[in-house]
Amino acid sequence: MDWEWYTYNKNRDAKYNLGFPLIDNTMGIWVNVTSNSTLCGPSRDIGSTSIWLPRGWNLVGYPSNNNTRTVADALAGISYDYVQTANETGKIITLSSTDIMQPGKAYWIHVTADCIWTVSW
């Protein structure tokens, strides 16, 4: 699978926003807001979902309702060496294996081999 990057800017000419995909809960989305905002999406039990992770860096969502799993537990069976996310100020931080993955957050996961990550709800 080839990965593509998309951007959307409401102030930009529409011809530059073409091709923006439908967003789903497996995607990592970076949203730059200029004031306090709330971004909501549907919350439903999806059982589990599989996310293709090609070797290298992947920006993904954490499509789970489980907010007690550590990085090591959530990524068990995946050959990864780095997991990063943004903190409250937008600074990118590297997580340890004991940090908790949080539903609704996006993560940069660096995998050392192509794999499929199965996430349980």
Protein backbone atom coordinates (compact mmCIF):
# COMPACT_ATOMS: atom_id res chain seq x y z
CA MET A 1 0.00 0.00 0.00
CA ASP A 2 1.30 3.43 -0.88
CA TRP A 3 0.79 6.05 1.79
CA GLU A 4 -0.36 9.50 0.90
CA TRP A 5 -0.42 12.66 2.92
CA TYR A 6 -3.39 14.98 2.78
CA THR A 7 -3.89 18.47 4.07
CA TYR A 8 -7.00 20.55 4.39
CA ASN A 9 -7.20 24.25 5.04
CA LYS A 10 -10.58 25.97 5.05
CA ASN A 11 -8.90 29.21 3.92
CA ARG A 12 -7.19 27.63 0.93
CA ASP A 13 -8.65 27.46 -2.57
CA ALA A 14 -10.83 24.34 -2.89
CA LYS A 15 -8.77 22.97 -5.78
CA TYR A 16 -5.94 22.30 -3.29
CA ASN A 17 -8.17 20.34 -0.89
CA LEU A 18 -9.32 17.77 -3.46
CA GLY A 19 -8.87 14.09 -2.72
CA PHE A 20 -9.09 14.43 1.05
CA PRO A 21 -10.21 10.98 2.26
CA LEU A 22 -12.97 10.02 4.61
CA ILE A 23 -11.52 9.88 8.10
CA ASP A 24 -11.80 6.72 10.17
CA ASN A 25 -10.66 5.66 13.62
CA THR A 26 -7.47 3.97 12.40
CA MET A 27 -5.96 7.21 11.14
CA GLY A 28 -3.75 9.57 13.02
CA ILE A 29 -4.91 13.10 12.37
CA TRP A 30 -3.00 16.26 13.21
CA VAL A 31 -5.45 19.13 13.74
CA ASN A 32 -4.09 22.64 14.21
CA VAL A 33 -6.71 24.81 15.88
CA THR A 34 -6.43 28.50 16.67
CA SER A 35 -8.70 28.49 19.74
CA ASN A 36 -10.11 26.03 22.28
CA SER A 37 -12.10 23.43 20.36
CA THR A 38 -13.77 20.08 20.77
CA LEU A 39 -13.39 17.43 18.11
CA CYS A 40 -15.83 14.54 18.43
CA GLY A 41 -16.28 11.37 16.51
CA PRO A 42 -18.55 8.37 16.76
CA SER A 43 -17.96 6.04 19.69
CA ARG A 44 -19.12 2.51 19.18
CA ASP A 45 -17.91 -0.99 19.98
CA ILE A 46 -16.11 -2.11 16.86
CA GLY A 47 -14.76 -5.38 18.29
CA SER A 48 -11.33 -5.15 16.75
CA THR A 49 -9.72 -3.56 13.76
CA SER A 50 -6.56 -4.21 11.79
CA ILE A 51 -4.17 -1.48 10.71
CA TRP A 52 -1.50 -2.04 8.06
CA LEU A 53 1.87 -0.69 9.24
CA PRO A 54 4.57 -0.64 6.57
CA ARG A 55 8.17 -0.60 7.78
CA GLY A 56 9.14 2.86 9.03
CA TRP A 57 7.09 5.62 10.64
CA ASN A 58 3.27 5.40 10.70
CA LEU A 59 0.85 8.02 12.02
CA VAL A 60 -2.14 6.08 13.34
CA GLY A 61 -5.10 6.39 15.65
CA TYR A 62 -5.71 4.14 18.64
CA PRO A 63 -9.19 2.78 17.84
CA SER A 64 -9.98 1.28 21.21
CA ASN A 65 -12.10 2.07 24.21
CA ASN A 66 -9.48 0.52 26.50
CA ASN A 67 -7.59 3.28 28.29
CA THR A 68 -5.58 0.98 30.58
CA ARG A 69 -3.28 -0.76 28.11
CA THR A 70 0.40 0.05 28.14
CA VAL A 71 2.32 0.62 24.94
CA ALA A 72 3.90 -2.82 25.38
CA ASP A 73 0.50 -4.51 25.80
CA ALA A 74 -1.21 -2.60 23.00
CA LEU A 75 1.63 -3.32 20.55
CA ALA A 76 2.36 -6.90 21.64
CA GLY A 77 3.53 -8.95 18.67
CA ILE A 78 4.53 -5.88 16.64
CA SER A 79 8.21 -5.20 15.91
CA TYR A 80 8.46 -1.54 16.91
CA ASP A 81 11.25 0.52 18.38
CA TYR A 82 9.70 3.97 18.91
CA VAL A 83 6.26 5.29 19.79
CA GLN A 84 5.64 9.02 19.90
CA THR A 85 2.69 11.31 20.48
CA ALA A 86 2.05 14.99 21.11
CA ASN A 87 1.57 16.28 24.65
CA GLU A 88 -0.91 18.98 25.68
CA THR A 89 1.34 21.74 24.34
CA GLY A 90 1.88 20.04 20.98
CA LYS A 91 5.42 18.91 21.76
CA ILE A 92 6.29 15.48 20.34
CA ILE A 93 7.29 13.07 23.11
CA THR A 94 8.67 9.54 22.99
CA LEU A 95 6.73 7.03 25.06
CA SER A 96 8.14 4.20 27.14
CA SER A 97 6.74 0.67 27.07
CA THR A 98 4.91 1.34 30.36
CA ASP A 99 3.10 4.50 29.21
CA ILE A 100 -0.65 4.14 28.65
CA MET A 101 -2.12 4.45 25.16
CA GLN A 102 -5.20 6.65 25.12
CA PRO A 103 -8.27 6.31 22.90
CA GLY A 104 -8.70 9.33 20.67
CA LYS A 105 -4.99 10.14 20.50
CA ALA A 106 -2.76 9.75 17.47
CA TYR A 107 0.58 8.01 17.64
CA TRP A 108 3.70 7.87 15.51
CA ILE A 109 4.79 4.23 15.57
CA HIS A 110 8.12 3.21 14.04
CA VAL A 111 8.03 -0.45 13.00
CA THR A 112 11.06 -2.39 11.85
CA ALA A 113 9.13 -4.68 9.50
CA ASP A 114 5.83 -4.57 7.60
CA CYS A 115 3.05 -5.84 9.86
CA ILE A 116 -0.63 -5.72 10.68
CA TRP A 117 -1.57 -4.29 14.06
CA THR A 118 -4.81 -5.69 15.44
CA VAL A 119 -6.39 -3.41 18.02
CA SER A 120 -9.14 -4.72 20.30
CA TRP A 121 -11.95 -2.43 21.36
